[in-house]
C-alpha atoms as a PDB file:
ATOM      1  CA  UNK A   1      18.846  -3.814  11.858  1.00  0.00           C
ATOM      2  CA  UNK A   2      18.273  -7.386  12.905  1.00  0.00           C
ATOM      3  CA  UNK A   3      19.099  -9.085   9.527  1.00  0.00           C
ATOM      4  CA  UNK A   4      18.570  -9.627   5.887  1.00  0.00           C
ATOM      5  CA  UNK A   5      17.715 -12.786   4.021  1.00  0.00           C
ATOM      6  CA  UNK A   6      17.686 -13.424   0.434  1.00  0.00           C
ATOM      7  CA  UNK A   7      16.985 -16.625  -1.588  1.00  0.00           C
ATOM      8  CA  UNK A   8      20.005 -15.956  -3.741  1.00  0.00           C
ATOM      9  CA  UNK A   9      22.301 -17.225  -0.945  1.00  0.00           C
ATOM     10  CA  UNK A  10      23.094 -20.941  -1.074  1.00  0.00           C
ATOM     11  CA  UNK A  11      22.133 -23.040   1.895  1.00  0.00           C
ATOM     12  CA  UNK A  12      24.495 -25.806   3.206  1.00  0.00           C
ATOM     13  CA  UNK A  13      23.662 -29.258   2.102  1.00  0.00           C
ATOM     14  CA  UNK A  14      21.803 -28.085  -1.094  1.00  0.00           C
ATOM     15  CA  UNK A  15      23.016 -28.270  -4.636  1.00  0.00           C
ATOM     16  CA  UNK A  16      23.940 -24.803  -6.074  1.00  0.00           C
ATOM     17  CA  UNK A  17      21.489 -23.317  -8.572  1.00  0.00           C
ATOM     18  CA  UNK A  18      22.163 -20.710 -11.143  1.00  0.00           C
ATOM     19  CA  UNK A  19      22.309 -17.362  -9.300  1.00  0.00           C
ATOM     20  CA  UNK A  20      21.872 -13.784 -10.263  1.00  0.00           C
ATOM     21  CA  UNK A  21      23.504 -10.663  -8.660  1.00  0.00           C
ATOM     22  CA  UNK A  22      22.338  -9.459  -5.341  1.00  0.00           C
ATOM     23  CA  UNK A  23      23.309  -5.907  -4.115  1.00  0.00           C
ATOM     24  CA  UNK A  24      23.107  -5.001  -0.576  1.00  0.00           C
ATOM     25  CA  UNK A  25      23.843  -1.590   1.221  1.00  0.00           C
ATOM     26  CA  UNK A  26      24.055  -1.764   5.044  1.00  0.00           C
ATOM     27  CA  UNK A  27      24.108   0.913   7.632  1.00  0.00           C
ATOM     28  CA  UNK A  28      21.429   3.556   7.673  1.00  0.00           C
ATOM     29  CA  UNK A  29      19.701   1.912   4.735  1.00  0.00           C
ATOM     30  CA  UNK A  30      19.496  -1.259   2.708  1.00  0.00           C
ATOM     31  CA  UNK A  31      19.438  -1.793  -1.059  1.00  0.00           C
ATOM     32  CA  UNK A  32      18.466  -5.026  -2.491  1.00  0.00           C
ATOM     33  CA  UNK A  33      18.359  -5.514  -6.261  1.00  0.00           C
ATOM     34  CA  UNK A  34      17.524  -9.109  -7.118  1.00  0.00           C
ATOM     35  CA  UNK A  35      16.509 -11.569  -9.823  1.00  0.00           C
ATOM     36  CA  UNK A  36      15.336 -14.919  -8.740  1.00  0.00           C
ATOM     37  CA  UNK A  37      17.354 -18.190  -8.764  1.00  0.00           C
ATOM     38  CA  UNK A  38      17.264 -20.062 -12.076  1.00  0.00           C
ATOM     39  CA  UNK A  39      16.733 -16.916 -14.161  1.00  0.00           C
ATOM     40  CA  UNK A  40      15.828 -17.344 -17.745  1.00  0.00           C
ATOM     41  CA  UNK A  41      18.193 -16.602 -20.562  1.00  0.00           C
ATOM     42  CA  UNK A  42      16.725 -13.095 -20.999  1.00  0.00           C
ATOM     43  CA  UNK A  43      17.567 -12.355 -17.331  1.00  0.00           C
ATOM     44  CA  UNK A  44      13.959 -12.696 -15.918  1.00  0.00           C
ATOM     45  CA  UNK A  45      13.803 -14.703 -12.753  1.00  0.00           C
ATOM     46  CA  UNK A  46      11.238 -16.598 -10.605  1.00  0.00           C
ATOM     47  CA  UNK A  47      10.551 -17.548  -7.064  1.00  0.00           C
ATOM     48  CA  UNK A  48      12.680 -15.008  -5.394  1.00  0.00           C
ATOM     49  CA  UNK A  49      12.173 -13.942  -1.646  1.00  0.00           C
ATOM     50  CA  UNK A  50      13.682 -10.727  -0.405  1.00  0.00           C
ATOM     51  CA  UNK A  51      13.287 -10.006   3.269  1.00  0.00           C
ATOM     52  CA  UNK A  52      14.600  -6.797   5.146  1.00  0.00           C
ATOM     53  CA  UNK A  53      13.997  -6.518   8.953  1.00  0.00           C
ATOM     54  CA  UNK A  54      15.181  -3.159  10.292  1.00  0.00           C
ATOM     55  CA  UNK A  55      14.946  -1.468  13.826  1.00  0.00           C
ATOM     56  CA  UNK A  56      16.478   1.954  13.658  1.00  0.00           C
ATOM     57  CA  UNK A  57      16.088   5.676  14.136  1.00  0.00           C
ATOM     58  CA  UNK A  58      16.637   6.108  10.471  1.00  0.00           C
ATOM     59  CA  UNK A  59      15.460   3.057   8.554  1.00  0.00           C
ATOM     60  CA  UNK A  60      15.573   3.065   4.806  1.00  0.00           C
ATOM     61  CA  UNK A  61      14.990   0.261   2.356  1.00  0.00           C
ATOM     62  CA  UNK A  62      14.830  -0.218  -1.365  1.00  0.00           C
ATOM     63  CA  UNK A  63      14.008  -3.395  -3.210  1.00  0.00           C
ATOM     64  CA  UNK A  64      13.797  -4.048  -6.898  1.00  0.00           C
ATOM     65  CA  UNK A  65      12.536  -7.369  -8.303  1.00  0.00           C
ATOM     66  CA  UNK A  66      12.152  -8.589 -11.947  1.00  0.00           C
ATOM     67  CA  UNK A  67      10.273 -11.910 -12.773  1.00  0.00           C
ATOM     68  CA  UNK A  68       7.378 -14.002 -11.677  1.00  0.00           C
ATOM     69  CA  UNK A  69       6.174 -15.372  -8.384  1.00  0.00           C
ATOM     70  CA  UNK A  70       8.500 -13.325  -6.301  1.00  0.00           C
ATOM     71  CA  UNK A  71       7.980 -12.057  -2.747  1.00  0.00           C
ATOM     72  CA  UNK A  72       9.002  -9.074  -0.723  1.00  0.00           C
ATOM     73  CA  UNK A  73       8.731  -8.656   2.940  1.00  0.00           C
ATOM     74  CA  UNK A  74      10.003  -5.355   4.537  1.00  0.00           C
ATOM     75  CA  UNK A  75       9.641  -4.984   8.273  1.00  0.00           C
ATOM     76  CA  UNK A  76      10.655  -1.625   9.791  1.00  0.00           C
ATOM     77  CA  UNK A  77      10.406  -0.242  13.318  1.00  0.00           C
ATOM     78  CA  UNK A  78      11.740   3.108  14.797  1.00  0.00           C
ATOM     79  CA  UNK A  79      11.669   6.555  13.413  1.00  0.00           C
ATOM     80  CA  UNK A  80      12.016   8.127   9.986  1.00  0.00           C
ATOM     81  CA  UNK A  81      11.060   4.859   8.196  1.00  0.00           C
ATOM     82  CA  UNK A  82      11.300   4.771   4.457  1.00  0.00           C
ATOM     83  CA  UNK A  83      10.699   1.974   1.907  1.00  0.00           C
ATOM     84  CA  UNK A  84      10.742   2.013  -1.842  1.00  0.00           C
ATOM     85  CA  UNK A  85       9.673  -1.035  -3.776  1.00  0.00           C
ATOM     86  CA  UNK A  86       9.733  -1.654  -7.513  1.00  0.00           C
ATOM     87  CA  UNK A  87       8.318  -4.842  -8.997  1.00  0.00           C
ATOM     88  CA  UNK A  88       8.218  -5.866 -12.690  1.00  0.00           C
ATOM     89  CA  UNK A  89       6.563  -9.217 -13.361  1.00  0.00           C
ATOM     90  CA  UNK A  90       3.492 -11.190 -12.744  1.00  0.00           C
ATOM     91  CA  UNK A  91       1.859 -13.643 -10.231  1.00  0.00           C
ATOM     92  CA  UNK A  92       3.629 -11.889  -7.386  1.00  0.00           C
ATOM     93  CA  UNK A  93       1.167 -12.480  -4.567  1.00  0.00           C
ATOM     94  CA  UNK A  94       0.900 -12.093  -0.863  1.00  0.00           C
ATOM     95  CA  UNK A  95      -1.218 -15.149   0.169  1.00  0.00           C
ATOM     96  CA  UNK A  96       1.253 -16.223   2.856  1.00  0.00           C
ATOM     97  CA  UNK A  97       1.885 -12.729   4.175  1.00  0.00           C
ATOM     98  CA  UNK A  98       4.766 -11.686   1.921  1.00  0.00           C
ATOM     99  CA  UNK A  99       4.701  -8.885  -0.574  1.00  0.00           C
ATOM    100  CA  UNK A 100       4.182  -6.304   2.044  1.00  0.00           C
ATOM    101  CA  UNK A 101       5.726  -3.241   3.752  1.00  0.00           C
ATOM    102  CA  UNK A 102       5.041  -3.059   7.447  1.00  0.00           C
ATOM    103  CA  UNK A 103       6.162  -0.030   9.393  1.00  0.00           C
ATOM    104  CA  UNK A 104       5.751   0.597  13.047  1.00  0.00           C
ATOM    105  CA  UNK A 105       6.965   4.007  14.576  1.00  0.00           C
ATOM    106  CA  UNK A 106       7.196   7.626  13.794  1.00  0.00           C
ATOM    107  CA  UNK A 107       7.037   9.300  10.410  1.00  0.00           C
ATOM    108  CA  UNK A 108       6.646   6.398   8.117  1.00  0.00           C
ATOM    109  CA  UNK A 109       6.813   6.671   4.347  1.00  0.00           C
ATOM    110  CA  UNK A 110       6.255   3.779   1.832  1.00  0.00           C
ATOM    111  CA  UNK A 111       6.197   3.781  -1.989  1.00  0.00           C
ATOM    112  CA  UNK A 112       5.261   0.818  -4.078  1.00  0.00           C
ATOM    113  CA  UNK A 113       5.289   0.589  -7.849  1.00  0.00           C
ATOM    114  CA  UNK A 114       4.224  -2.538  -9.700  1.00  0.00           C
ATOM    115  CA  UNK A 115       4.040  -3.367 -13.341  1.00  0.00           C
ATOM    116  CA  UNK A 116       2.425  -6.750 -14.318  1.00  0.00           C
ATOM    117  CA  UNK A 117      -0.589  -8.869 -14.086  1.00  0.00           C
ATOM    118  CA  UNK A 118      -2.085 -10.825 -11.076  1.00  0.00           C
ATOM    119  CA  UNK A 119       0.131  -9.077  -8.356  1.00  0.00           C
ATOM    120  CA  UNK A 120      -0.754  -8.282  -4.774  1.00  0.00           C
ATOM    121  CA  UNK A 121       0.935  -5.920  -2.404  1.00  0.00           C
ATOM    122  CA  UNK A 122       0.036  -4.621   1.143  1.00  0.00           C
ATOM    123  CA  UNK A 123       1.286  -1.638   3.089  1.00  0.00           C
ATOM    124  CA  UNK A 124       0.701  -1.535   6.812  1.00  0.00           C
ATOM    125  CA  UNK A 125       1.694   1.449   8.875  1.00  0.00           C
ATOM    126  CA  UNK A 126       1.128   2.026  12.648  1.00  0.00           C
ATOM    127  CA  UNK A 127       2.237   4.929  14.814  1.00  0.00           C
ATOM    128  CA  UNK A 128       2.983   4.026  18.413  1.00  0.00           C
ATOM    129  CA  UNK A 129       4.830   6.864  20.035  1.00  0.00           C
ATOM    130  CA  UNK A 130       5.467  10.569  19.388  1.00  0.00           C
ATOM    131  CA  UNK A 131       4.027  12.476  16.367  1.00  0.00           C
ATOM    132  CA  UNK A 132       3.452   9.773  13.794  1.00  0.00           C
ATOM    133  CA  UNK A 133       2.811  10.884  10.258  1.00  0.00           C
ATOM    134  CA  UNK A 134       2.146   7.983   7.909  1.00  0.00           C
ATOM    135  CA  UNK A 135       2.314   8.440   4.117  1.00  0.00           C
ATOM    136  CA  UNK A 136       1.776   5.512   1.669  1.00  0.00           C
ATOM    137  CA  UNK A 137       1.716   5.551  -2.130  1.00  0.00           C
ATOM    138  CA  UNK A 138       1.030   2.668  -4.415  1.00  0.00           C
ATOM    139  CA  UNK A 139       0.869   2.644  -8.257  1.00  0.00           C
ATOM    140  CA  UNK A 140       0.065  -0.557 -10.144  1.00  0.00           C
ATOM    141  CA  UNK A 141      -0.202  -1.072 -13.935  1.00  0.00           C
ATOM    142  CA  UNK A 142      -1.657  -4.360 -15.159  1.00  0.00           C
ATOM    143  CA  UNK A 143      -4.745  -6.567 -14.855  1.00  0.00           C
ATOM    144  CA  UNK A 144      -6.078  -8.689 -11.981  1.00  0.00           C
ATOM    145  CA  UNK A 145      -3.981  -6.904  -9.428  1.00  0.00           C
ATOM    146  CA  UNK A 146      -4.921  -6.326  -5.736  1.00  0.00           C
ATOM    147  CA  UNK A 147      -3.505  -3.660  -3.501  1.00  0.00           C
ATOM    148  CA  UNK A 148      -4.243  -2.411   0.095  1.00  0.00           C
ATOM    149  CA  UNK A 149      -3.016   0.289   2.433  1.00  0.00           C
ATOM    150  CA  UNK A 150      -3.724   0.116   6.214  1.00  0.00           C
ATOM    151  CA  UNK A 151      -2.834   2.994   8.522  1.00  0.00           C
ATOM    152  CA  UNK A 152      -3.442   3.506  12.189  1.00  0.00           C
ATOM    153  CA  UNK A 153      -2.330   5.916  15.001  1.00  0.00           C
ATOM    154  CA  UNK A 154      -3.115   4.911  18.489  1.00  0.00           C
ATOM    155  CA  UNK A 155      -1.479   7.553  20.724  1.00  0.00           C
ATOM    156  CA  UNK A 156      -0.577  11.162  20.773  1.00  0.00           C
ATOM    157  CA  UNK A 157      -2.174  14.324  19.495  1.00  0.00           C
ATOM    158  CA  UNK A 158      -0.170  15.099  16.299  1.00  0.00           C
ATOM    159  CA  UNK A 159      -1.047  12.229  14.084  1.00  0.00           C
ATOM    160  CA  UNK A 160      -2.298  11.895  10.451  1.00  0.00           C
ATOM    161  CA  UNK A 161      -2.545   9.365   7.771  1.00  0.00           C
ATOM    162  CA  UNK A 162      -2.103  10.024   3.992  1.00  0.00           C
ATOM    163  CA  UNK A 163      -2.580   7.370   1.357  1.00  0.00           C
ATOM    164  CA  UNK A 164      -2.702   7.403  -2.443  1.00  0.00           C
ATOM    165  CA  UNK A 165      -3.494   4.229  -4.646  1.00  0.00           C
ATOM    166  CA  UNK A 166      -3.653   4.231  -8.315  1.00  0.00           C
ATOM    167  CA  UNK A 167      -4.296   1.297 -10.719  1.00  0.00           C
ATOM    168  CA  UNK A 168      -4.256   1.058 -14.504  1.00  0.00           C
ATOM    169  CA  UNK A 169      -5.972  -2.064 -16.049  1.00  0.00           C
ATOM    170  CA  UNK A 170      -8.833  -4.443 -15.758  1.00  0.00           C
ATOM    171  CA  UNK A 171     -10.414  -6.280 -12.819  1.00  0.00           C
ATOM    172  CA  UNK A 172      -8.200  -4.639 -10.161  1.00  0.00           C
ATOM    173  CA  UNK A 173      -9.103  -4.283  -6.474  1.00  0.00           C
ATOM    174  CA  UNK A 174      -7.912  -1.383  -4.207  1.00  0.00           C
ATOM    175  CA  UNK A 175      -8.490  -0.767  -0.523  1.00  0.00           C
ATOM    176  CA  UNK A 176      -7.443   1.980   1.898  1.00  0.00           C
ATOM    177  CA  UNK A 177      -8.276   1.636   5.540  1.00  0.00           C
ATOM    178  CA  UNK A 178      -7.305   4.398   8.050  1.00  0.00           C
ATOM    179  CA  UNK A 179      -7.941   4.797  11.718  1.00  0.00           C
ATOM    180  CA  UNK A 180      -6.977   7.442  14.418  1.00  0.00           C
ATOM    181  CA  UNK A 181      -7.638   6.466  18.064  1.00  0.00           C
ATOM    182  CA  UNK A 182     -10.990   8.029  19.278  1.00  0.00           C
ATOM    183  CA  UNK A 183      -9.206   9.761  22.110  1.00  0.00           C
ATOM    184  CA  UNK A 184      -7.421  12.032  19.618  1.00  0.00           C
ATOM    185  CA  UNK A 185     -10.424  12.672  17.396  1.00  0.00           C
ATOM    186  CA  UNK A 186     -10.167  16.470  17.545  1.00  0.00           C
ATOM    187  CA  UNK A 187      -6.653  16.500  16.039  1.00  0.00           C
ATOM    188  CA  UNK A 188      -6.316  13.267  14.187  1.00  0.00           C
ATOM    189  CA  UNK A 189      -6.709  13.262  10.585  1.00  0.00           C
ATOM    190  CA  UNK A 190      -6.975  10.896   7.473  1.00  0.00           C
ATOM    191  CA  UNK A 191      -6.659  11.619   3.717  1.00  0.00           C
ATOM    192  CA  UNK A 192      -7.149   8.898   1.173  1.00  0.00           C
ATOM    193  CA  UNK A 193      -7.498   8.688  -2.519  1.00  0.00           C
ATOM    194  CA  UNK A 194      -7.941   5.866  -5.065  1.00  0.00           C
ATOM    195  CA  UNK A 195      -7.676   6.296  -8.850  1.00  0.00           C
ATOM    196  CA  UNK A 196      -8.654   3.482 -11.298  1.00  0.00           C
ATOM    197  CA  UNK A 197      -8.700   3.494 -15.113  1.00  0.00           C
ATOM    198  CA  UNK A 198     -10.038   0.291 -16.622  1.00  0.00           C
ATOM    199  CA  UNK A 199     -12.909  -2.186 -16.593  1.00  0.00           C
ATOM    200  CA  UNK A 200     -14.494  -4.121 -13.612  1.00  0.00           C
ATOM    201  CA  UNK A 201     -12.407  -2.459 -10.874  1.00  0.00           C
ATOM    202  CA  UNK A 202     -13.395  -2.142  -7.289  1.00  0.00           C
ATOM    203  CA  UNK A 203     -12.287   0.587  -4.804  1.00  0.00           C
ATOM    204  CA  UNK A 204     -12.868   0.721  -1.010  1.00  0.00           C
ATOM    205  CA  UNK A 205     -11.991   3.459   1.394  1.00  0.00           C
ATOM    206  CA  UNK A 206     -12.655   3.083   5.154  1.00  0.00           C
ATOM    207  CA  UNK A 207     -11.927   5.888   7.610  1.00  0.00           C
ATOM    208  CA  UNK A 208     -12.342   6.439  11.403  1.00  0.00           C
ATOM    209  CA  UNK A 209     -11.321   9.578  13.139  1.00  0.00           C
ATOM    210  CA  UNK A 210     -11.512  13.243  12.611  1.00  0.00           C
ATOM    211  CA  UNK A 211     -10.992  15.490   9.489  1.00  0.00           C
ATOM    212  CA  UNK A 212     -11.443  12.469   7.243  1.00  0.00           C
ATOM    213  CA  UNK A 213     -11.225  13.219   3.453  1.00  0.00           C
ATOM    214  CA  UNK A 214     -11.734  10.431   0.824  1.00  0.00           C
ATOM    215  CA  UNK A 215     -11.918  10.443  -2.888  1.00  0.00           C
ATOM    216  CA  UNK A 216     -12.346   7.819  -5.511  1.00  0.00           C
ATOM    217  CA  UNK A 217     -12.022   8.405  -9.211  1.00  0.00           C
ATOM    218  CA  UNK A 218     -12.888   5.649 -11.626  1.00  0.00           C
ATOM    219  CA  UNK A 219     -12.893   5.614 -15.377  1.00  0.00           C
ATOM    220  CA  UNK A 220     -14.289   2.574 -17.372  1.00  0.00           C
ATOM    221  CA  UNK A 221     -17.093   0.098 -17.478  1.00  0.00           C
ATOM    222  CA  UNK A 222     -18.737  -1.883 -14.514  1.00  0.00           C
ATOM    223  CA  UNK A 223     -16.670  -0.288 -11.779  1.00  0.00           C
ATOM    224  CA  UNK A 224     -17.734  -0.194  -8.098  1.00  0.00           C
ATOM    225  CA  UNK A 225     -16.763   2.444  -5.456  1.00  0.00           C
ATOM    226  CA  UNK A 226     -17.383   2.391  -1.767  1.00  0.00           C
ATOM    227  CA  UNK A 227     -16.577   5.063   0.946  1.00  0.00           C
ATOM    228  CA  UNK A 228     -17.159   4.479   4.585  1.00  0.00           C
ATOM    229  CA  UNK A 229     -16.491   7.188   7.185  1.00  0.00           C
ATOM    230  CA  UNK A 230     -17.004   7.263  10.959  1.00  0.00           C
ATOM    231  CA  UNK A 231     -16.044  10.371  12.983  1.00  0.00           C
ATOM    232  CA  UNK A 232     -16.338  14.064  12.524  1.00  0.00           C
ATOM    233  CA  UNK A 233     -15.250  16.486   9.860  1.00  0.00           C
ATOM    234  CA  UNK A 234     -16.051  14.011   7.036  1.00  0.00           C
ATOM    235  CA  UNK A 235     -15.612  14.623   3.275  1.00  0.00           C
ATOM    236  CA  UNK A 236     -16.326  12.205   0.489  1.00  0.00           C
ATOM    237  CA  UNK A 237     -15.879  12.667  -3.239  1.00  0.00           C
ATOM    238  CA  UNK A 238     -16.558   9.957  -5.743  1.00  0.00           C
ATOM    239  CA  UNK A 239     -16.342  10.404  -9.562  1.00  0.00           C
ATOM    240  CA  UNK A 240     -17.183   7.699 -12.057  1.00  0.00           C
ATOM    241  CA  UNK A 241     -17.105   7.874 -15.904  1.00  0.00           C
ATOM    242  CA  UNK A 242     -18.520   4.853 -17.948  1.00  0.00           C
ATOM    243  CA  UNK A 243     -21.418   2.569 -17.875  1.00  0.00           C
ATOM    244  CA  UNK A 244     -22.873   0.083 -15.369  1.00  0.00           C
ATOM    245  CA  UNK A 245     -21.360   1.930 -12.513  1.00  0.00           C
ATOM    246  CA  UNK A 246     -22.059   1.314  -8.723  1.00  0.00           C
ATOM    247  CA  UNK A 247     -21.235   3.384  -5.634  1.00  0.00           C
ATOM    248  CA  UNK A 248     -21.963   3.370  -1.836  1.00  0.00           C
ATOM    249  CA  UNK A 249     -21.118   6.131   0.621  1.00  0.00           C
ATOM    250  CA  UNK A 250     -21.884   5.867   4.294  1.00  0.00           C
ATOM    251  CA  UNK A 251     -21.074   8.478   7.018  1.00  0.00           C
ATOM    252  CA  UNK A 252     -21.636   7.744  10.673  1.00  0.00           C
ATOM    253  CA  UNK A 253     -20.682   8.969  14.038  1.00  0.00           C
ATOM    254  CA  UNK A 254     -21.255  12.616  13.093  1.00  0.00           C
ATOM    255  CA  UNK A 255     -21.473  14.962  16.151  1.00  0.00           C
ATOM    256  CA  UNK A 256     -21.717  18.206  14.416  1.00  0.00           C
ATOM    257  CA  UNK A 257     -24.936  20.181  14.634  1.00  0.00           C
ATOM    258  CA  UNK A 258     -24.975  20.588  10.827  1.00  0.00           C
ATOM    259  CA  UNK A 259     -24.866  16.746  10.437  1.00  0.00           C
ATOM    260  CA  UNK A 260     -22.261  14.829   8.631  1.00  0.00           C
ATOM    261  CA  UNK A 261     -19.673  16.189   6.197  1.00  0.00           C
ATOM    262  CA  UNK A 262     -19.878  17.005   2.517  1.00  0.00           C
ATOM    263  CA  UNK A 263     -20.628  14.366  -0.068  1.00  0.00           C
ATOM    264  CA  UNK A 264     -20.081  14.796  -3.768  1.00  0.00           C
ATOM    265  CA  UNK A 265     -20.899  12.274  -6.393  1.00  0.00           C
ATOM    266  CA  UNK A 266     -20.470  12.584 -10.194  1.00  0.00           C
ATOM    267  CA  UNK A 267     -21.391   9.934 -12.709  1.00  0.00           C
ATOM    268  CA  UNK A 268     -20.962  10.473 -16.449  1.00  0.00           C
ATOM    269  CA  UNK A 269     -21.424   8.254 -19.488  1.00  0.00           C
ATOM    270  CA  UNK A 270     -18.895   7.572 -22.314  1.00  0.00           C
END
C-alpha cells in the first residue's frame, strides 16, 4: 500500500477547522469512515476527499461518506482486489476524476451504493496478468445521478467481465462498457445488466468479445435504452414498461453461420 490521504488531516501552516472522526484500518485492508471538515450540527459534512492507493496481493478497501460535494478515489493494483463504497448525500460528482474505483490486476470486485441526488460514480477494472475475473455492482437511489462501469481484459484465456447497475429515480444515466481482447474471443465473456425505475432515464451497454450477454430493464416514462455488441455469441434483452419509450440494439462482427445472437425486446404500456 503506497499511502492514504484524507482531508480531515490538518496541514502545516493552515488554521485548524472543525474535524470529524476518521477511522483507518491498515494491513491487508483499509477502512475509512469520514464526515467532511466543517460538519453541520446534525453531523452532515461537506467537501471531504478520501483517497486510498493500494498495491497488494490482497487489497481491500471500504469507504463510507455522509454529506454533500464529497469525493472518493480508490486505486488498487495486484490480486484479489476488493472495494466497497457507501455514500449518503448529494452533489458528489467526478468531474475532476474523483469518485471512482480503479482496479488493475486479477480477480477484482467493486461494490458501490449511493443514496442522494446529482451524484456521479465510476468503476474501472482492467485485468493484466493471469486469470482476471472482474465483478462490479453499482446501486444508486435518487435523481439526476450518473454511473458508469468499464471493464477490460487484455491478456490470457480465462477472463470474464460481470457488471450490474441499478438506479431508482428520475433523469438518471447509466453506462456499462466491457471489452475482451480479440485474441481471446473464443473464451472471453461479458455479462452486463442495467435496471432503471423512474422517468427520463438513459441506459447504455457496449460489449466487445465473445459470449456477450446484455440486458436492460426500464420502468417509467420517456426512457431510452441502447445495446451495442461486437463479437460472437451475442445475446441482448431489453424490456421497457411505460410511455414514450426508445431503444436501439446493434450487433456486429458476427461470424456464426446462423448470424448474430438472440435479441428480445418487450415494450408494454402502463
